[in-house]
Amino acid sequence: MAPNANLPPLETQRQLIDLVTQYIFNATAIHNQVGSLAGYLVNPAFLSAKIRPDRFLCDIQTTYLATLLYAGTGLPQPALMDDWTHLFLDEKKAESVTVFQRFQNSLKQFAVELDKRNATRVQPFRTFDPRILDSSVAK
């Protein structure tokens, strides 16, 4: 359980599945929607990582630290729909591969459904398309 998250104790397998699902969604889809920092870092007068009395600009150190943070976390990561099975532990690998393939198949089905929905939209919505999502908070 995450400290200070005000989450009740996990009592069922379904609760654990829902929690992990939410973490995956937040670390991939939501960060693809709102996670880009580049636009904020272009102008140090626009956004500062530190609030200082009577200052309107970041100091040089803060500007560099924020830029380095973005450089380290903004690199493209492996795709969500890549094959990750080579990373699985040998113990219960067959079962893990089965679960992983089921997960990947559900992502593929969602992508097909997304294409159907986008066919009727004036502006296609691609942000949550698993075919373009990275495996982490990249971008």
N, C-alpha and C. Protein backbone atom coordinates (compact mmCIF):
# COMPACT_ATOMS: atom_id res chain seq x y z
N MET A 1 0.84 -1.18 0.00
CA MET A 1 0.00 0.00 0.00
C MET A 1 0.88 1.25 0.00
N ALA A 2 0.52 2.22 -0.80
CA ALA A 2 1.29 3.47 -0.87
C ALA A 2 1.05 4.31 0.38
N PRO A 3 2.11 4.80 1.01
CA PRO A 3 1.91 5.62 2.20
C PRO A 3 1.20 6.92 1.85
N ASN A 4 0.33 7.34 2.72
CA ASN A 4 -0.40 8.61 2.58
C ASN A 4 -1.28 8.67 1.35
N ALA A 5 -1.63 7.54 0.77
CA ALA A 5 -2.48 7.54 -0.42
C ALA A 5 -3.95 7.40 -0.06
N ASN A 6 -4.24 7.17 1.19
CA ASN A 6 -5.62 6.99 1.66
C ASN A 6 -6.35 5.89 0.92
N LEU A 7 -5.62 4.86 0.55
CA LEU A 7 -6.22 3.71 -0.10
C LEU A 7 -6.57 2.66 0.95
N PRO A 8 -7.74 2.05 0.82
CA PRO A 8 -8.06 0.98 1.76
C PRO A 8 -7.18 -0.23 1.49
N PRO A 9 -7.04 -1.12 2.45
CA PRO A 9 -6.25 -2.33 2.21
C PRO A 9 -6.85 -3.15 1.07
N LEU A 10 -5.98 -3.76 0.27
CA LEU A 10 -6.45 -4.63 -0.81
C LEU A 10 -6.93 -5.94 -0.19
N GLU A 11 -8.16 -6.30 -0.49
CA GLU A 11 -8.74 -7.49 0.11
C GLU A 11 -9.07 -8.56 -0.91
N THR A 12 -9.11 -8.18 -2.19
CA THR A 12 -9.48 -9.16 -3.21
C THR A 12 -8.52 -9.06 -4.39
N GLN A 13 -8.51 -10.12 -5.17
CA GLN A 13 -7.69 -10.14 -6.38
C GLN A 13 -8.20 -9.07 -7.36
N ARG A 14 -9.51 -8.88 -7.42
CA ARG A 14 -10.10 -7.88 -8.32
C ARG A 14 -9.60 -6.48 -7.98
N GLN A 15 -9.50 -6.18 -6.68
CA GLN A 15 -8.99 -4.87 -6.27
C GLN A 15 -7.54 -4.67 -6.71
N LEU A 16 -6.74 -5.71 -6.58
CA LEU A 16 -5.35 -5.63 -7.02
C LEU A 16 -5.27 -5.41 -8.53
N ILE A 17 -6.08 -6.14 -9.28
CA ILE A 17 -6.10 -5.99 -10.74
C ILE A 17 -6.51 -4.57 -11.11
N ASP A 18 -7.54 -4.04 -10.45
CA ASP A 18 -8.00 -2.67 -10.74
C ASP A 18 -6.92 -1.64 -10.42
N LEU A 19 -6.21 -1.84 -9.31
CA LEU A 19 -5.15 -0.91 -8.92
C LEU A 19 -4.00 -0.93 -9.91
N VAL A 20 -3.53 -2.11 -10.29
CA VAL A 20 -2.44 -2.22 -11.25
C VAL A 20 -2.87 -1.64 -12.60
N THR A 21 -4.10 -1.91 -12.99
CA THR A 21 -4.63 -1.37 -14.24
C THR A 21 -4.60 0.15 -14.23
N GLN A 22 -5.01 0.75 -13.11
CA GLN A 22 -4.99 2.21 -13.00
C GLN A 22 -3.57 2.76 -13.09
N TYR A 23 -2.62 2.09 -12.45
CA TYR A 23 -1.22 2.53 -12.53
C TYR A 23 -0.71 2.44 -13.97
N ILE A 24 -1.01 1.37 -14.67
CA ILE A 24 -0.58 1.24 -16.07
C ILE A 24 -1.19 2.34 -16.92
N PHE A 25 -2.48 2.59 -16.72
CA PHE A 25 -3.17 3.64 -17.49
C PHE A 25 -2.55 5.01 -17.21
N ASN A 26 -2.30 5.31 -15.94
CA ASN A 26 -1.73 6.61 -15.61
C ASN A 26 -0.31 6.77 -16.15
N ALA A 27 0.50 5.72 -16.10
CA ALA A 27 1.89 5.81 -16.53
C ALA A 27 2.06 5.77 -18.04
N THR A 28 1.01 5.40 -18.76
CA THR A 28 1.12 5.34 -20.22
C THR A 28 0.17 6.35 -20.85
N ALA A 29 -1.10 6.08 -20.82
CA ALA A 29 -2.08 6.90 -21.54
C ALA A 29 -2.18 8.32 -21.01
N ILE A 30 -2.33 8.47 -19.71
CA ILE A 30 -2.48 9.83 -19.15
C ILE A 30 -1.21 10.65 -19.38
N HIS A 31 -0.04 10.04 -19.20
CA HIS A 31 1.19 10.79 -19.45
C HIS A 31 1.35 11.12 -20.93
N ASN A 32 0.82 10.32 -21.81
CA ASN A 32 0.85 10.66 -23.22
C ASN A 32 -0.03 11.88 -23.49
N GLN A 33 -1.11 12.01 -22.72
CA GLN A 33 -2.04 13.13 -22.89
C GLN A 33 -1.49 14.42 -22.27
N VAL A 34 -0.95 14.35 -21.07
CA VAL A 34 -0.60 15.57 -20.34
C VAL A 34 0.85 15.62 -19.86
N GLY A 35 1.68 14.65 -20.21
CA GLY A 35 2.99 14.51 -19.59
C GLY A 35 4.14 15.25 -20.24
N SER A 36 3.92 15.97 -21.30
CA SER A 36 5.05 16.63 -21.96
C SER A 36 5.44 17.91 -21.23
N LEU A 37 6.71 18.03 -20.94
CA LEU A 37 7.22 19.22 -20.24
C LEU A 37 7.92 20.20 -21.17
N ALA A 38 8.21 19.80 -22.37
CA ALA A 38 9.04 20.63 -23.26
C ALA A 38 8.50 22.04 -23.41
N GLY A 39 7.22 22.18 -23.60
CA GLY A 39 6.63 23.50 -23.79
C GLY A 39 6.79 24.40 -22.58
N TYR A 40 6.86 23.81 -21.40
CA TYR A 40 7.01 24.60 -20.18
C TYR A 40 8.45 25.03 -19.94
N LEU A 41 9.39 24.29 -20.48
CA LEU A 41 10.79 24.55 -20.19
C LEU A 41 11.45 25.51 -21.17
N VAL A 42 10.78 25.85 -22.24
CA VAL A 42 11.37 26.72 -23.26
C VAL A 42 11.64 28.12 -22.70
N ASN A 43 10.74 28.62 -21.89
CA ASN A 43 10.86 29.98 -21.38
C ASN A 43 10.91 29.93 -19.84
N PRO A 44 12.04 30.23 -19.22
CA PRO A 44 12.14 30.16 -17.76
C PRO A 44 11.23 31.17 -17.05
N ALA A 45 10.72 32.15 -17.76
CA ALA A 45 9.80 33.10 -17.14
C ALA A 45 8.37 32.55 -17.09
N PHE A 46 8.10 31.52 -17.86
CA PHE A 46 6.75 30.97 -17.91
C PHE A 46 6.44 30.09 -16.71
N LEU A 47 7.36 29.21 -16.37
CA LEU A 47 7.12 28.26 -15.29
C LEU A 47 8.43 28.03 -14.56
N SER A 48 8.35 28.07 -13.25
CA SER A 48 9.55 27.83 -12.45
C SER A 48 9.34 26.61 -11.57
N ALA A 49 10.39 25.84 -11.39
CA ALA A 49 10.32 24.68 -10.51
C ALA A 49 10.47 25.10 -9.05
N LYS A 50 10.86 26.32 -8.81
CA LYS A 50 11.00 26.85 -7.46
C LYS A 50 10.27 28.18 -7.37
N ILE A 51 9.58 28.36 -6.27
CA ILE A 51 8.91 29.63 -6.02
C ILE A 51 9.79 30.42 -5.06
N ARG A 52 10.15 31.64 -5.47
CA ARG A 52 11.02 32.48 -4.64
C ARG A 52 10.38 33.86 -4.50
N PRO A 53 10.50 34.42 -3.32
CA PRO A 53 9.90 35.75 -3.11
C PRO A 53 10.49 36.79 -4.07
N ASP A 54 9.63 37.60 -4.61
CA ASP A 54 10.03 38.72 -5.48
C ASP A 54 10.81 38.31 -6.72
N ARG A 55 10.63 37.09 -7.18
CA ARG A 55 11.31 36.61 -8.39
C ARG A 55 10.27 36.19 -9.42
N PHE A 56 10.55 36.48 -10.66
CA PHE A 56 9.67 36.08 -11.75
C PHE A 56 10.32 35.06 -12.67
N LEU A 57 11.62 34.84 -12.51
CA LEU A 57 12.36 33.90 -13.34
C LEU A 57 13.01 32.82 -12.48
N CYS A 58 13.22 31.67 -13.10
CA CYS A 58 14.03 30.63 -12.45
C CYS A 58 15.48 31.11 -12.40
N ASP A 59 16.19 30.65 -11.39
CA ASP A 59 17.63 30.88 -11.42
C ASP A 59 18.24 29.89 -12.41
N ILE A 60 19.49 30.10 -12.74
CA ILE A 60 20.15 29.26 -13.76
C ILE A 60 20.20 27.81 -13.33
N GLN A 61 20.52 27.56 -12.07
CA GLN A 61 20.62 26.18 -11.59
C GLN A 61 19.28 25.45 -11.74
N THR A 62 18.19 26.09 -11.33
CA THR A 62 16.87 25.46 -11.43
C THR A 62 16.49 25.21 -12.88
N THR A 63 16.81 26.15 -13.75
CA THR A 63 16.52 25.97 -15.18
C THR A 63 17.26 24.76 -15.72
N TYR A 64 18.54 24.63 -15.40
CA TYR A 64 19.32 23.48 -15.87
C TYR A 64 18.81 22.17 -15.26
N LEU A 65 18.49 22.17 -13.99
CA LEU A 65 17.99 20.94 -13.35
C LEU A 65 16.68 20.49 -13.98
N ALA A 66 15.77 21.42 -14.23
CA ALA A 66 14.50 21.06 -14.85
C ALA A 66 14.72 20.53 -16.27
N THR A 67 15.63 21.16 -17.00
CA THR A 67 15.93 20.71 -18.35
C THR A 67 16.57 19.33 -18.34
N LEU A 68 17.48 19.09 -17.41
CA LEU A 68 18.11 17.77 -17.28
C LEU A 68 17.08 16.70 -16.89
N LEU A 69 16.16 17.06 -16.01
CA LEU A 69 15.11 16.12 -15.63
C LEU A 69 14.29 15.72 -16.86
N TYR A 70 13.94 16.70 -17.67
CA TYR A 70 13.19 16.40 -18.88
C TYR A 70 14.02 15.55 -19.84
N ALA A 71 15.29 15.90 -19.98
CA ALA A 71 16.15 15.14 -20.90
C ALA A 71 16.26 13.68 -20.46
N GLY A 72 16.29 13.44 -19.17
CA GLY A 72 16.41 12.08 -18.67
C GLY A 72 15.13 11.28 -18.72
N THR A 73 14.01 11.95 -18.61
CA THR A 73 12.72 11.23 -18.60
C THR A 73 11.95 11.38 -19.90
N GLY A 74 12.38 12.26 -20.76
CA GLY A 74 11.63 12.52 -21.98
C GLY A 74 12.07 11.71 -23.18
N LEU A 75 13.04 10.84 -22.99
CA LEU A 75 13.49 10.00 -24.09
C LEU A 75 12.45 8.94 -24.43
N PRO A 76 12.34 8.57 -25.69
CA PRO A 76 11.39 7.49 -26.04
C PRO A 76 11.74 6.20 -25.30
N GLN A 77 10.73 5.52 -24.88
CA GLN A 77 10.87 4.25 -24.17
C GLN A 77 10.36 3.13 -25.06
N PRO A 78 10.61 1.89 -24.69
CA PRO A 78 10.08 0.77 -25.49
C PRO A 78 8.55 0.86 -25.58
N ALA A 79 8.04 0.45 -26.69
CA ALA A 79 6.60 0.53 -26.93
C ALA A 79 5.82 -0.39 -26.00
N LEU A 80 4.65 0.06 -25.61
CA LEU A 80 3.78 -0.74 -24.74
C LEU A 80 3.46 -2.09 -25.36
N MET A 81 3.32 -2.13 -26.67
CA MET A 81 2.92 -3.37 -27.34
C MET A 81 4.10 -4.17 -27.86
N ASP A 82 5.32 -3.83 -27.41
CA ASP A 82 6.49 -4.65 -27.75
C ASP A 82 6.40 -6.01 -27.06
N ASP A 83 7.24 -6.92 -27.50
CA ASP A 83 7.33 -8.24 -26.86
C ASP A 83 8.29 -8.13 -25.68
N TRP A 84 7.78 -8.33 -24.49
CA TRP A 84 8.56 -8.22 -23.26
C TRP A 84 8.89 -9.59 -22.66
N THR A 85 8.53 -10.65 -23.34
CA THR A 85 8.65 -11.98 -22.73
C THR A 85 10.09 -12.40 -22.44
N HIS A 86 11.05 -11.82 -23.13
CA HIS A 86 12.45 -12.16 -22.84
C HIS A 86 12.90 -11.65 -21.47
N LEU A 87 12.13 -10.80 -20.85
CA LEU A 87 12.46 -10.27 -19.53
C LEU A 87 11.83 -11.07 -18.39
N PHE A 88 10.94 -11.98 -18.73
CA PHE A 88 10.23 -12.74 -17.70
C PHE A 88 11.18 -13.73 -17.02
N LEU A 89 10.97 -13.92 -15.73
CA LEU A 89 11.75 -14.90 -14.99
C LEU A 89 11.40 -16.31 -15.45
N ASP A 90 12.34 -17.21 -15.32
CA ASP A 90 12.12 -18.59 -15.74
C ASP A 90 11.02 -19.28 -14.93
N GLU A 91 10.95 -18.94 -13.65
CA GLU A 91 9.92 -19.55 -12.81
C GLU A 91 8.54 -19.08 -13.27
N LYS A 92 7.70 -20.02 -13.60
CA LYS A 92 6.33 -19.77 -14.08
C LYS A 92 6.30 -18.91 -15.34
N LYS A 93 7.33 -19.04 -16.17
CA LYS A 93 7.40 -18.22 -17.39
C LYS A 93 6.24 -18.52 -18.33
N ALA A 94 5.87 -19.78 -18.48
CA ALA A 94 4.78 -20.13 -19.40
C ALA A 94 3.48 -19.44 -18.98
N GLU A 95 3.19 -19.46 -17.69
CA GLU A 95 1.97 -18.80 -17.20
C GLU A 95 2.04 -17.29 -17.40
N SER A 96 3.22 -16.73 -17.16
CA SER A 96 3.40 -15.29 -17.33
C SER A 96 3.22 -14.88 -18.79
N VAL A 97 3.76 -15.69 -19.69
CA VAL A 97 3.63 -15.39 -21.11
C VAL A 97 2.15 -15.44 -21.52
N THR A 98 1.42 -16.39 -20.99
CA THR A 98 -0.02 -16.49 -21.30
C THR A 98 -0.77 -15.24 -20.85
N VAL A 99 -0.50 -14.78 -19.63
CA VAL A 99 -1.15 -13.58 -19.12
C VAL A 99 -0.74 -12.37 -19.96
N PHE A 100 0.53 -12.27 -20.28
CA PHE A 100 1.03 -11.16 -21.08
C PHE A 100 0.38 -11.14 -22.47
N GLN A 101 0.28 -12.29 -23.10
CA GLN A 101 -0.34 -12.37 -24.43
C GLN A 101 -1.83 -11.98 -24.36
N ARG A 102 -2.49 -12.36 -23.28
CA ARG A 102 -3.89 -11.97 -23.12
C ARG A 102 -3.99 -10.45 -22.99
N PHE A 103 -3.07 -9.87 -22.23
CA PHE A 103 -3.03 -8.41 -22.09
C PHE A 103 -2.78 -7.74 -23.44
N GLN A 104 -1.80 -8.24 -24.19
CA GLN A 104 -1.49 -7.68 -25.50
C GLN A 104 -2.68 -7.82 -26.45
N ASN A 105 -3.36 -8.95 -26.40
CA ASN A 105 -4.53 -9.15 -27.26
C ASN A 105 -5.64 -8.18 -26.91
N SER A 106 -5.81 -7.89 -25.63
CA SER A 106 -6.84 -6.92 -25.25
C SER A 106 -6.47 -5.53 -25.75
N LEU A 107 -5.17 -5.20 -25.75
CA LEU A 107 -4.74 -3.91 -26.30
C LEU A 107 -5.00 -3.85 -27.81
N LYS A 108 -4.75 -4.94 -28.50
CA LYS A 108 -5.01 -5.00 -29.95
C LYS A 108 -6.50 -4.83 -30.24
N GLN A 109 -7.34 -5.48 -29.44
CA GLN A 109 -8.79 -5.35 -29.61
C GLN A 109 -9.24 -3.91 -29.36
N PHE A 110 -8.66 -3.29 -28.34
CA PHE A 110 -8.99 -1.89 -28.06
C PHE A 110 -8.57 -1.00 -29.23
N ALA A 111 -7.42 -1.26 -29.82
CA ALA A 111 -6.95 -0.47 -30.96
C ALA A 111 -7.90 -0.58 -32.14
N VAL A 112 -8.42 -1.78 -32.38
CA VAL A 112 -9.40 -1.97 -33.46
C VAL A 112 -10.67 -1.19 -33.15
N GLU A 113 -11.13 -1.25 -31.91
CA GLU A 113 -12.32 -0.50 -31.50
C GLU A 113 -12.07 1.00 -31.64
N LEU A 114 -10.89 1.44 -31.28
CA LEU A 114 -10.55 2.85 -31.42
C LEU A 114 -10.59 3.29 -32.88
N ASP A 115 -10.09 2.46 -33.78
CA ASP A 115 -10.16 2.77 -35.21
C ASP A 115 -11.61 2.90 -35.68
N LYS A 116 -12.47 2.03 -35.19
CA LYS A 116 -13.90 2.11 -35.56
C LYS A 116 -14.51 3.42 -35.07
N ARG A 117 -14.22 3.79 -33.84
CA ARG A 117 -14.76 5.03 -33.29
C ARG A 117 -14.20 6.24 -34.03
N ASN A 118 -12.90 6.21 -34.33
CA ASN A 118 -12.29 7.34 -35.02
C ASN A 118 -12.81 7.51 -36.44
N ALA A 119 -13.30 6.45 -37.04
CA ALA A 119 -13.83 6.54 -38.40
C ALA A 119 -15.05 7.46 -38.47
N THR A 120 -15.74 7.62 -37.34
CA THR A 120 -16.95 8.46 -37.32
C THR A 120 -16.70 9.81 -36.66
N ARG A 121 -15.51 10.07 -36.23
CA ARG A 121 -15.21 11.34 -35.56
C ARG A 121 -14.67 12.36 -36.56
N VAL A 122 -15.02 13.62 -36.34
CA VAL A 122 -14.48 14.69 -37.16
C VAL A 122 -12.97 14.78 -36.94
N GLN A 123 -12.57 14.72 -35.68
CA GLN A 123 -11.15 14.76 -35.31
C GLN A 123 -10.81 13.44 -34.61
N PRO A 124 -10.07 12.56 -35.26
CA PRO A 124 -9.71 11.29 -34.61
C PRO A 124 -8.94 11.51 -33.30
N PHE A 125 -9.22 10.68 -32.33
CA PHE A 125 -8.58 10.75 -31.02
C PHE A 125 -7.60 9.59 -30.93
N ARG A 126 -6.30 9.90 -30.93
CA ARG A 126 -5.27 8.87 -30.96
C ARG A 126 -4.47 8.78 -29.67
N THR A 127 -4.71 9.69 -28.74
CA THR A 127 -3.88 9.78 -27.54
C THR A 127 -3.78 8.46 -26.78
N PHE A 128 -4.86 7.71 -26.68
CA PHE A 128 -4.86 6.48 -25.90
C PHE A 128 -4.68 5.24 -26.77
N ASP A 129 -4.22 5.41 -27.98
CA ASP A 129 -4.00 4.28 -28.88
C ASP A 129 -2.80 3.48 -28.40
N PRO A 130 -3.00 2.23 -27.99
CA PRO A 130 -1.88 1.45 -27.45
C PRO A 130 -0.77 1.21 -28.47
N ARG A 131 -1.06 1.37 -29.76
CA ARG A 131 -0.03 1.17 -30.77
C ARG A 131 1.01 2.28 -30.78
N ILE A 132 0.70 3.43 -30.16
CA ILE A 132 1.65 4.54 -30.14
C ILE A 132 2.16 4.85 -28.73
N LEU A 133 1.69 4.15 -27.73
CA LEU A 133 2.09 4.44 -26.36
C LEU A 133 3.41 3.79 -25.99
N ASP A 134 4.20 4.52 -25.23
CA ASP A 134 5.43 3.98 -24.67
C ASP A 134 5.09 3.22 -23.39
N SER A 135 6.06 2.48 -22.90
CA SER A 135 5.84 1.63 -21.73
C SER A 135 5.96 2.37 -20.41
N SER A 136 6.22 3.68 -20.45
CA SER A 136 6.43 4.40 -19.20
C SER A 136 5.95 5.83 -19.36
N VAL A 137 6.52 6.69 -18.55
CA VAL A 137 6.09 8.08 -18.54
C VAL A 137 6.84 8.94 -19.54
N ALA A 138 7.38 8.34 -20.56
CA ALA A 138 8.15 9.08 -21.55
C ALA A 138 7.25 10.06 -22.29
N LYS A 139 7.86 11.06 -22.85
CA LYS A 139 7.25 12.14 -23.64
C LYS A 139 6.76 13.18 -22.72
